[in-house]
Amino acid sequence: MSEAAAHAIAARVDRIRTGRLPEAVATRAAELLLDYLGVALGGAGEESTVVLRRGLAALATAGDATIIGTNERMAPPHAAIANGAAAHALEMDDTHLGGSIHLGASVFSAALAAAEIAPASGETLLRAAVAGYEVAARLAIALDPAAHYRRGFHPTGTCGAFGAAAAAGVVIGLDADALTSAFGIAGSQAAGSMEFLADGAWTKRLHPGWAACAGLHAAALARAGFRGPATIVDGRFGFLHAYGEGASRATLDRFDDYELMHTGVKPHACCRYAQGPIDAVLALRGEHAITPERVARIEVGIVNAGFAIVCEPLDAKRRPGSVVDAQFSLPFSLAVALIRGAASPAEFVPRNWDDPLVRRLMDRVEPVRDAALDAMFPRVWPCWVRITLDDGGRHEARITHPTGDPERFPSPPEQRAKFAGLARRALAPDRIDALAAAATRIAGASDVRALLALTRPGI
């Protein structure tokens, strides 16, 4: 009988916790930390995040853990929920391509909350992040993200609980046996429904926060000796069987690379499936000086896995009624990008989806299935956009790697620009500069709580 998958994953995490971490991997982990801090600060003031914190406060969640972007404090598990939800609110958090999963919002939220229970160095935080990304991404790949979506699950919530358990486990020093038990416990908490798409609800934003909280609980319970099933991943009633369709554990047995290195970041404030098409529209707009009034049709080829998320039902996607609807509407994302020349959080507001010109363009967006694109998914998320003008002229752009992909990862100045643009929603300029510097130098920090202190606005 082969070794239980949870044992193999736990052994990999233990090696990340104690062994040599390649410099390039540690550097990328610090870059993803900066991205996480930016999106968490940017999302801290969103209505959904504020309401979530209000609801948590009603549960008597008092404590000393940091709520990023605010001067509020809560107990660590609830801080993990609040920070994870804030980091996901703007739809600008990182994405692992092969697993179609957002990792930082759950992994960093869990690791930072754990570091307020068991003080940790910056190096430990980075190792925790690498481990958490590794676990959650490989589980998402094993499930097959398209199949997982078809069953109505959101991998950020389901697989994220395991990644958060790994990250928290590294911070509090769990060995391989205890990590195996933590995964068993996390598996009974893994959740996340895609039904938010029906009416633009806020539940998707909760998923990484809930996963972070679940992972934190799993690690703490395992450290105390609470037992979880070692066969949680590949057992008869395990995760792969219950949450997947023909899932394979092959990727869980082959640790030939670090999945954190296959994680990209987002420049646009919407679903990852719309990022490439937006890049294409902006490129065509700039190259050909296309004016919205002259557009007769916008055909968009995207991978089939994205259709149910950003294209269907098409009539509803052409008439978003909330920010969440807009974030998951390909017609809106392309229309507003073509008209405004950007798809930042400032564009995903009611006045834009009610704008007559935006509505006109949304009605001209025609999503197209393309088997040639599907053949490259999920390791690559290619797309094409073809714009037909009122005089019959056509302009087309093809995108293999959207901006922010690992192959087109932003430069340090570009990373700083995104971070600063989002962080200024919550922090003063001097605090922004200090936090960016601290995140960049995190590997040498003796206690990450100093970093967390800089995420609070101060008095």
Protein backbone atom coordinates (compact mmCIF):
# COMPACT_ATOMS: atom_id res chain seq x y z
CA MET A 1 0.00 0.00 0.00
CA SER A 2 1.36 3.44 -0.94
CA GLU A 3 1.99 6.09 1.67
CA ALA A 4 -1.07 8.20 2.50
CA ALA A 5 -0.97 11.46 0.54
CA ALA A 6 -1.25 13.54 3.70
CA HIS A 7 1.93 11.91 5.03
CA ALA A 8 3.80 12.74 1.81
CA ILE A 9 2.57 16.35 1.87
CA ALA A 10 3.45 16.74 5.54
CA ALA A 11 6.97 15.44 4.89
CA ARG A 12 7.37 18.02 2.11
CA VAL A 13 6.19 20.79 4.45
CA ASP A 14 8.59 19.62 7.17
CA ARG A 15 11.49 19.82 4.70
CA ILE A 16 10.46 23.36 3.78
CA ARG A 17 10.30 24.23 7.48
CA THR A 18 13.77 22.91 8.33
CA GLY A 19 15.78 22.60 5.11
CA ARG A 20 17.47 24.97 2.70
CA LEU A 21 15.13 27.38 0.92
CA PRO A 22 16.39 28.56 -2.49
CA GLU A 23 17.07 32.29 -2.56
CA ALA A 24 14.82 32.86 -5.57
CA VAL A 25 11.92 31.17 -3.78
CA ALA A 26 12.40 33.21 -0.61
CA THR A 27 12.59 36.39 -2.68
CA ARG A 28 9.36 35.57 -4.50
CA ALA A 29 7.67 34.79 -1.18
CA ALA A 30 8.60 38.28 0.06
CA GLU A 31 7.26 39.80 -3.16
CA LEU A 32 3.97 37.95 -2.70
CA LEU A 33 3.86 39.13 0.91
CA LEU A 34 4.05 42.73 -0.33
CA ASP A 35 1.25 42.01 -2.80
CA TYR A 36 -0.85 40.47 -0.01
CA LEU A 37 -0.34 43.45 2.26
CA GLY A 38 -1.38 45.79 -0.53
CA VAL A 39 -4.60 44.00 -1.37
CA ALA A 40 -5.47 43.55 2.31
CA LEU A 41 -4.97 47.25 2.97
CA GLY A 42 -6.92 48.12 -0.15
CA GLY A 43 -9.81 45.88 0.85
CA ALA A 44 -9.95 46.82 4.52
CA GLY A 45 -12.41 49.64 3.93
CA GLU A 46 -14.70 47.82 1.51
CA GLU A 47 -18.30 47.58 2.69
CA SER A 48 -18.23 43.79 2.85
CA THR A 49 -15.09 43.87 5.01
CA VAL A 50 -16.47 46.48 7.39
CA VAL A 51 -19.73 44.56 7.79
CA LEU A 52 -17.82 41.33 8.37
CA ARG A 53 -15.77 42.92 11.15
CA ARG A 54 -18.96 44.29 12.71
CA GLY A 55 -20.47 40.82 12.69
CA LEU A 56 -17.37 39.27 14.23
CA ALA A 57 -17.29 41.92 16.95
CA ALA A 58 -20.82 40.95 17.95
CA LEU A 59 -19.45 37.50 18.82
CA ALA A 60 -17.26 38.97 21.54
CA THR A 61 -14.06 38.34 19.58
CA ALA A 62 -11.83 40.63 21.62
CA GLY A 63 -8.09 40.01 21.45
CA ASP A 64 -4.76 41.58 20.55
CA ALA A 65 -4.24 40.36 16.97
CA THR A 66 -3.87 42.89 14.16
CA ILE A 67 -6.64 43.74 11.72
CA ILE A 68 -4.70 45.04 8.73
CA GLY A 69 -5.55 48.57 7.67
CA THR A 70 -7.38 49.40 10.91
CA ASN A 71 -6.65 50.07 14.57
CA GLU A 72 -9.07 47.33 15.58
CA ARG A 73 -7.88 44.18 17.36
CA MET A 74 -9.44 40.71 17.61
CA ALA A 75 -8.47 37.24 18.71
CA PRO A 76 -6.09 35.62 16.18
CA PRO A 77 -8.66 33.29 14.53
CA HIS A 78 -11.01 36.19 13.87
CA ALA A 79 -8.18 38.43 12.71
CA ALA A 80 -7.39 35.69 10.19
CA ILE A 81 -10.99 35.77 8.94
CA ALA A 82 -11.05 39.57 8.68
CA ASN A 83 -7.66 39.87 6.96
CA GLY A 84 -8.38 37.04 4.55
CA ALA A 85 -11.70 38.57 3.55
CA ALA A 86 -10.13 42.01 3.12
CA ALA A 87 -7.35 40.60 0.92
CA HIS A 88 -9.91 39.01 -1.40
CA ALA A 89 -12.43 41.87 -1.56
CA LEU A 90 -10.95 43.79 -4.50
CA GLU A 91 -10.27 40.67 -6.62
CA MET A 92 -6.64 41.74 -6.99
CA ASP A 93 -4.97 39.03 -4.89
CA ASP A 94 -2.56 36.51 -6.35
CA THR A 95 -3.57 33.47 -8.40
CA HIS A 96 -1.90 30.11 -8.95
CA LEU A 97 -2.61 29.15 -12.54
CA GLY A 98 -2.48 25.35 -12.46
CA GLY A 99 -4.83 25.19 -9.48
CA SER A 100 -6.99 28.21 -10.38
CA ILE A 101 -6.68 29.22 -6.75
CA HIS A 102 -5.98 32.38 -4.75
CA LEU A 103 -3.30 31.49 -2.22
CA GLY A 104 -1.94 34.52 -0.41
CA ALA A 105 -5.24 35.65 1.11
CA SER A 106 -5.59 32.44 3.12
CA VAL A 107 -1.95 31.43 3.60
CA PHE A 108 -0.55 34.77 4.76
CA SER A 109 -3.63 35.51 6.87
CA ALA A 110 -3.16 32.22 8.73
CA ALA A 111 0.61 32.57 9.07
CA LEU A 112 0.43 36.13 10.41
CA ALA A 113 -2.30 35.22 12.88
CA ALA A 114 -0.19 32.28 14.07
CA ALA A 115 2.78 34.64 14.47
CA GLU A 116 0.77 36.65 16.98
CA ILE A 117 0.30 33.47 19.05
CA ALA A 118 3.83 32.09 18.66
CA PRO A 119 6.19 34.96 17.73
CA ALA A 120 8.05 34.14 14.52
CA SER A 121 10.95 35.53 12.53
CA GLY A 122 10.63 36.82 9.01
CA GLU A 123 12.40 33.74 7.69
CA THR A 124 9.84 31.51 9.41
CA LEU A 125 7.01 33.54 7.86
CA LEU A 126 8.48 33.08 4.38
CA ARG A 127 8.92 29.33 4.93
CA ALA A 128 5.32 29.15 6.14
CA ALA A 129 4.15 30.91 2.99
CA VAL A 130 6.13 28.60 0.69
CA ALA A 131 4.68 25.58 2.49
CA GLY A 132 1.12 26.86 2.42
CA TYR A 133 1.26 27.74 -1.28
CA GLU A 134 2.75 24.31 -2.00
CA VAL A 135 0.00 22.37 -0.23
CA ALA A 136 -3.04 24.31 -1.41
CA ALA A 137 -1.84 24.61 -5.01
CA ARG A 138 -1.00 20.92 -5.39
CA LEU A 139 -4.35 19.87 -3.94
CA ALA A 140 -6.15 22.19 -6.35
CA ILE A 141 -4.21 20.74 -9.29
CA ALA A 142 -4.96 17.20 -8.10
CA LEU A 143 -8.69 17.93 -8.03
CA ASP A 144 -8.64 19.47 -11.54
CA PRO A 145 -9.94 23.03 -11.07
CA ALA A 146 -12.48 22.86 -13.91
CA ALA A 147 -14.03 19.72 -12.42
CA HIS A 148 -13.99 21.23 -8.93
CA TYR A 149 -15.83 24.30 -10.25
CA ARG A 150 -18.41 22.07 -11.96
CA ARG A 151 -19.25 20.57 -8.58
CA GLY A 152 -19.84 24.09 -7.26
CA PHE A 153 -16.70 24.38 -5.12
CA HIS A 154 -14.29 27.31 -4.86
CA PRO A 155 -10.73 25.95 -4.50
CA THR A 156 -9.60 29.05 -2.61
CA GLY A 157 -11.91 28.01 0.22
CA THR A 158 -11.60 24.25 0.05
CA CYS A 159 -7.91 23.71 -0.72
CA GLY A 160 -7.06 26.93 1.08
CA ALA A 161 -7.89 25.35 4.44
CA PHE A 162 -5.10 22.81 3.93
CA GLY A 163 -2.63 25.49 2.83
CA ALA A 164 -3.50 27.61 5.85
CA ALA A 165 -2.98 24.61 8.14
CA ALA A 166 0.47 24.08 6.62
CA ALA A 167 1.41 27.75 7.02
CA ALA A 168 0.17 27.99 10.60
CA GLY A 169 1.81 24.64 11.36
CA VAL A 170 5.20 25.89 10.20
CA VAL A 171 4.89 29.02 12.33
CA ILE A 172 4.05 27.11 15.51
CA GLY A 173 6.61 24.39 14.78
CA LEU A 174 4.59 21.26 13.98
CA ASP A 175 6.58 18.21 12.89
CA ALA A 176 5.47 15.91 10.05
CA ASP A 177 3.24 13.72 12.24
CA ALA A 178 1.45 16.69 13.75
CA LEU A 179 1.08 18.29 10.30
CA THR A 180 -0.56 15.12 9.03
CA SER A 181 -3.09 15.36 11.82
CA ALA A 182 -3.59 19.07 11.10
CA PHE A 183 -4.44 18.24 7.49
CA GLY A 184 -6.94 15.67 8.73
CA ILE A 185 -8.59 18.33 10.87
CA ALA A 186 -8.52 20.94 8.11
CA GLY A 187 -10.23 18.53 5.74
CA SER A 188 -13.33 18.49 7.93
CA GLN A 189 -13.50 22.29 7.69
CA ALA A 190 -12.88 22.74 3.96
CA ALA A 191 -15.71 24.74 2.40
CA GLY A 192 -16.52 27.32 -0.26
CA SER A 193 -19.53 27.46 -2.59
CA MET A 194 -19.59 29.19 -5.97
CA GLU A 195 -23.27 30.06 -5.54
CA PHE A 196 -22.30 33.68 -4.86
CA LEU A 197 -22.43 34.04 -8.65
CA ALA A 198 -26.23 33.80 -8.55
CA ASP A 199 -26.82 37.21 -7.00
CA GLY A 200 -23.51 38.96 -6.40
CA ALA A 201 -23.30 37.96 -2.72
CA TRP A 202 -20.22 38.57 -0.59
CA THR A 203 -19.56 34.96 0.41
CA LYS A 204 -16.65 34.45 -1.99
CA ARG A 205 -14.79 37.18 -0.11
CA LEU A 206 -15.27 35.20 3.09
CA HIS A 207 -13.72 32.00 1.69
CA PRO A 208 -9.99 32.74 2.17
CA GLY A 209 -10.63 34.22 5.60
CA TRP A 210 -12.61 31.18 6.69
CA ALA A 211 -9.89 28.92 5.25
CA ALA A 212 -7.26 30.85 7.22
CA CYS A 213 -9.27 30.47 10.42
CA ALA A 214 -9.81 26.75 9.74
CA GLY A 215 -6.10 26.23 9.16
CA LEU A 216 -5.19 28.06 12.33
CA HIS A 217 -7.59 25.92 14.35
CA ALA A 218 -6.32 22.76 12.68
CA ALA A 219 -2.69 23.54 13.55
CA ALA A 220 -3.51 24.50 17.15
CA LEU A 221 -5.63 21.40 17.72
CA ALA A 222 -2.97 19.15 16.21
CA ARG A 223 -0.30 20.67 18.45
CA ALA A 224 -2.51 19.91 21.46
CA GLY A 225 -2.75 16.25 20.38
CA PHE A 226 -6.16 16.25 18.71
CA ARG A 227 -6.19 13.55 16.04
CA GLY A 228 -7.26 13.92 12.43
CA PRO A 229 -7.47 11.14 9.82
CA ALA A 230 -4.17 10.50 8.05
CA THR A 231 -6.13 9.37 4.98
CA ILE A 232 -8.00 12.70 4.68
CA VAL A 233 -6.68 13.37 1.17
CA ASP A 234 -6.92 10.04 -0.66
CA GLY A 235 -9.05 7.83 1.60
CA ARG A 236 -12.37 6.23 0.72
CA PHE A 237 -14.23 9.29 2.01
CA GLY A 238 -11.30 11.66 1.59
CA PHE A 239 -10.94 15.05 0.00
CA LEU A 240 -10.09 13.98 -3.55
CA HIS A 241 -13.05 11.60 -3.69
CA ALA A 242 -15.60 13.92 -2.08
CA TYR A 243 -14.62 17.15 -3.83
CA GLY A 244 -13.42 15.96 -7.22
CA GLU A 245 -14.28 13.99 -10.35
CA GLY A 246 -11.59 11.50 -11.25
CA ALA A 247 -9.00 13.40 -9.19
CA SER A 248 -5.39 12.21 -9.30
CA ARG A 249 -2.80 12.30 -6.53
CA ALA A 250 0.10 12.26 -8.99
CA THR A 251 0.99 15.89 -8.36
CA LEU A 252 1.05 15.15 -4.62
CA ASP A 253 3.76 12.53 -5.08
CA ARG A 254 6.04 14.55 -7.38
CA PHE A 255 7.65 17.56 -5.68
CA ASP A 256 9.92 18.70 -8.48
CA ASP A 257 9.41 22.43 -8.11
CA TYR A 258 7.93 25.08 -5.82
CA GLU A 259 4.34 25.98 -6.73
CA LEU A 260 4.80 29.45 -5.27
CA MET A 261 6.96 30.14 -8.34
CA HIS A 262 3.96 29.38 -10.57
CA THR A 263 1.79 32.01 -8.89
CA GLY A 264 0.93 35.27 -10.61
CA VAL A 265 -0.45 38.60 -9.45
CA LYS A 266 -3.30 40.72 -10.80
CA PRO A 267 -3.13 44.24 -12.23
CA HIS A 268 -6.92 44.46 -12.78
CA ALA A 269 -9.67 44.43 -10.13
CA CYS A 270 -11.71 41.46 -11.34
CA CYS A 271 -11.75 37.71 -11.90
CA ARG A 272 -8.55 36.12 -13.18
CA TYR A 273 -10.38 34.80 -16.26
CA ALA A 274 -10.90 38.41 -17.42
CA GLN A 275 -7.30 39.57 -16.90
CA GLY A 276 -5.94 38.45 -20.28
CA PRO A 277 -8.90 39.80 -22.28
CA ILE A 278 -8.53 43.17 -20.52
CA ASP A 279 -4.83 43.22 -21.46
CA ALA A 280 -5.84 42.55 -25.07
CA VAL A 281 -8.50 45.27 -25.13
CA LEU A 282 -6.15 47.84 -23.62
CA ALA A 283 -3.45 46.91 -26.15
CA LEU A 284 -5.85 47.31 -29.08
CA ARG A 285 -7.20 50.56 -27.66
CA GLY A 286 -3.72 52.02 -27.43
CA GLU A 287 -2.39 50.71 -30.74
CA HIS A 288 -5.37 51.61 -32.91
CA ALA A 289 -6.92 54.54 -31.02
CA ILE A 290 -10.25 52.70 -30.92
CA THR A 291 -13.14 54.84 -29.74
CA PRO A 292 -16.07 53.05 -28.04
CA GLU A 293 -18.66 54.65 -30.31
CA ARG A 294 -17.18 52.90 -33.35
CA VAL A 295 -17.22 49.37 -31.89
CA ALA A 296 -19.72 47.04 -33.53
CA ARG A 297 -18.63 43.77 -31.91
CA ILE A 298 -16.10 42.41 -29.42
CA GLU A 299 -15.46 38.68 -29.78
CA VAL A 300 -13.51 37.12 -26.93
CA GLY A 301 -11.97 33.67 -26.90
CA ILE A 302 -11.38 32.35 -23.38
CA VAL A 303 -10.87 28.94 -21.85
CA ASN A 304 -13.99 26.89 -21.25
CA ALA A 305 -13.44 26.74 -17.48
CA GLY A 306 -14.13 30.47 -17.26
CA PHE A 307 -17.47 30.48 -19.06
CA ALA A 308 -19.68 29.61 -16.10
CA ILE A 309 -17.85 32.17 -13.99
CA VAL A 310 -17.59 35.29 -16.16
CA CYS A 311 -19.74 34.65 -19.23
CA GLU A 312 -22.91 32.81 -18.21
CA PRO A 313 -25.78 33.56 -18.18
CA LEU A 314 -24.77 36.13 -20.78
CA ASP A 315 -27.82 38.39 -20.35
CA ALA A 316 -27.09 38.69 -16.61
CA LYS A 317 -23.39 39.27 -17.19
CA ARG A 318 -24.30 42.16 -19.49
CA ARG A 319 -26.29 43.81 -16.69
CA PRO A 320 -24.33 43.59 -13.42
CA GLY A 321 -26.17 44.87 -10.37
CA SER A 322 -23.42 44.88 -7.77
CA VAL A 323 -19.65 45.16 -7.44
CA VAL A 324 -19.33 41.38 -7.20
CA ASP A 325 -21.47 40.97 -10.34
CA ALA A 326 -19.18 43.41 -12.14
CA GLN A 327 -16.01 41.68 -10.93
CA PHE A 328 -17.30 38.46 -12.49
CA SER A 329 -18.68 39.93 -15.72
CA LEU A 330 -16.49 39.65 -18.80
CA PRO A 331 -18.73 42.06 -20.75
CA PHE A 332 -18.47 44.73 -18.07
CA SER A 333 -14.73 44.30 -17.53
CA LEU A 334 -13.98 44.71 -21.25
CA ALA A 335 -16.46 47.54 -21.80
CA VAL A 336 -15.18 49.64 -18.92
CA ALA A 337 -11.55 48.98 -19.83
CA LEU A 338 -12.14 50.06 -23.43
CA ILE A 339 -13.97 53.23 -22.37
CA ARG A 340 -11.96 54.28 -19.31
CA GLY A 341 -8.57 52.85 -20.30
CA ALA A 342 -8.28 50.99 -16.98
CA ALA A 343 -9.90 48.27 -14.86
CA SER A 344 -8.87 49.34 -11.37
CA PRO A 345 -11.13 49.33 -8.29
CA ALA A 346 -12.20 52.85 -9.27
CA GLU A 347 -13.87 51.45 -12.41
CA PHE A 348 -15.88 48.76 -10.61
CA VAL A 349 -18.53 51.13 -9.28
CA PRO A 350 -22.29 51.51 -9.94
CA ARG A 351 -22.04 54.67 -12.03
CA ASN A 352 -20.06 52.72 -14.62
CA TRP A 353 -22.36 49.75 -15.08
CA ASP A 354 -25.30 52.18 -15.28
CA ASP A 355 -23.52 54.29 -17.92
CA PRO A 356 -25.34 54.07 -21.31
CA LEU A 357 -22.09 53.76 -23.27
CA VAL A 358 -20.86 50.93 -21.03
CA ARG A 359 -24.21 49.19 -21.46
CA ARG A 360 -23.99 49.58 -25.22
CA LEU A 361 -20.55 47.99 -25.30
CA MET A 362 -21.53 45.17 -22.92
CA ASP A 363 -24.21 44.15 -25.42
CA ARG A 364 -21.52 43.86 -28.09
CA VAL A 365 -19.29 41.46 -26.17
CA GLU A 366 -19.55 37.90 -27.52
CA PRO A 367 -17.64 35.18 -25.62
CA VAL A 368 -16.33 32.32 -27.78
CA ARG A 369 -15.24 28.82 -26.80
CA ASP A 370 -11.96 27.76 -28.39
CA ALA A 371 -10.58 24.22 -28.05
CA ALA A 372 -7.09 25.44 -28.94
CA LEU A 373 -7.09 27.61 -25.82
CA ASP A 374 -8.40 24.78 -23.66
CA ALA A 375 -5.50 22.58 -24.75
CA MET A 376 -3.10 24.87 -22.85
CA PHE A 377 -5.20 25.24 -19.68
CA PRO A 378 -4.66 25.28 -16.69
CA ARG A 379 -0.90 25.88 -16.68
CA VAL A 380 -1.50 28.67 -19.21
CA TRP A 381 -4.66 30.81 -19.47
CA PRO A 382 -4.52 32.18 -23.04
CA CYS A 383 -7.15 34.28 -24.77
CA TRP A 384 -7.81 36.37 -27.85
CA VAL A 385 -9.92 39.45 -28.55
CA ARG A 386 -11.23 40.55 -31.96
CA ILE A 387 -12.83 44.00 -32.24
CA THR A 388 -14.96 44.76 -35.30
CA LEU A 389 -15.60 48.44 -36.07
CA ASP A 390 -18.64 50.06 -37.66
CA ASP A 391 -16.85 50.27 -41.04
CA GLY A 392 -16.07 46.55 -41.04
CA GLY A 393 -12.46 46.95 -39.97
CA ARG A 394 -11.06 44.34 -37.56
CA HIS A 395 -8.30 44.38 -34.99
CA GLU A 396 -7.18 41.31 -33.06
CA ALA A 397 -4.83 40.63 -30.16
CA ARG A 398 -3.76 37.34 -28.62
CA ILE A 399 -2.48 36.96 -25.08
CA THR A 400 -0.65 33.84 -23.93
CA HIS A 401 0.60 35.16 -20.60
CA PRO A 402 -1.45 38.02 -19.12
CA THR A 403 0.34 40.76 -17.20
CA GLY A 404 1.30 39.48 -13.76
CA ASP A 405 1.75 35.84 -14.80
CA PRO A 406 4.93 34.17 -13.50
CA GLU A 407 6.35 34.63 -17.02
CA ARG A 408 5.49 38.34 -16.85
CA PHE A 409 5.91 38.95 -13.14
CA PRO A 410 6.09 42.68 -12.32
CA SER A 411 9.40 44.38 -11.67
CA PRO A 412 10.12 45.72 -8.16
CA PRO A 413 9.04 49.27 -9.15
CA GLU A 414 5.81 47.89 -10.61
CA GLN A 415 5.21 45.87 -7.45
CA ARG A 416 5.75 48.97 -5.32
CA ALA A 417 3.38 51.00 -7.50
CA LYS A 418 0.54 48.50 -7.10
CA PHE A 419 1.19 48.21 -3.37
CA ALA A 420 1.27 51.98 -2.84
CA GLY A 421 -1.86 52.56 -4.91
CA LEU A 422 -3.84 50.14 -2.76
CA ALA A 423 -2.20 50.91 0.57
CA ARG A 424 -3.06 54.60 0.37
CA ARG A 425 -6.68 53.62 0.90
CA ALA A 426 -5.76 52.89 4.53
CA LEU A 427 -2.34 54.35 5.38
CA ALA A 428 -0.50 57.66 5.29
CA PRO A 429 2.43 57.99 2.82
CA ASP A 430 5.16 57.68 5.46
CA ARG A 431 3.59 54.51 6.85
CA ILE A 432 3.28 53.09 3.32
CA ASP A 433 6.98 53.61 2.65
CA ALA A 434 7.98 52.09 5.99
CA LEU A 435 5.77 49.05 5.47
CA ALA A 436 7.06 48.45 1.94
CA ALA A 437 10.64 48.61 3.19
CA ALA A 438 9.89 46.24 6.06
CA ALA A 439 8.19 43.73 3.76
CA THR A 440 11.11 43.82 1.33
CA ARG A 441 13.55 43.12 4.17
CA ILE A 442 11.32 40.62 5.97
CA ALA A 443 13.78 37.73 5.65
CA GLY A 444 16.03 39.38 8.21
CA ALA A 445 13.31 40.39 10.68
CA SER A 446 13.50 38.84 14.14
CA ASP A 447 9.76 39.20 14.83
CA VAL A 448 7.06 39.76 12.21
CA ARG A 449 4.89 41.57 14.72
CA ALA A 450 6.93 44.68 13.93
CA LEU A 451 5.74 44.37 10.33
CA LEU A 452 2.13 43.96 11.46
CA ALA A 453 2.39 47.10 13.59
CA LEU A 454 3.10 49.08 10.41
CA THR A 455 -0.16 47.88 8.82
CA ARG A 456 -2.18 49.88 11.37
CA PRO A 457 -2.96 53.53 10.56
CA GLY A 458 -1.88 54.71 13.99
CA ILE A 459 -3.44 57.52 15.95
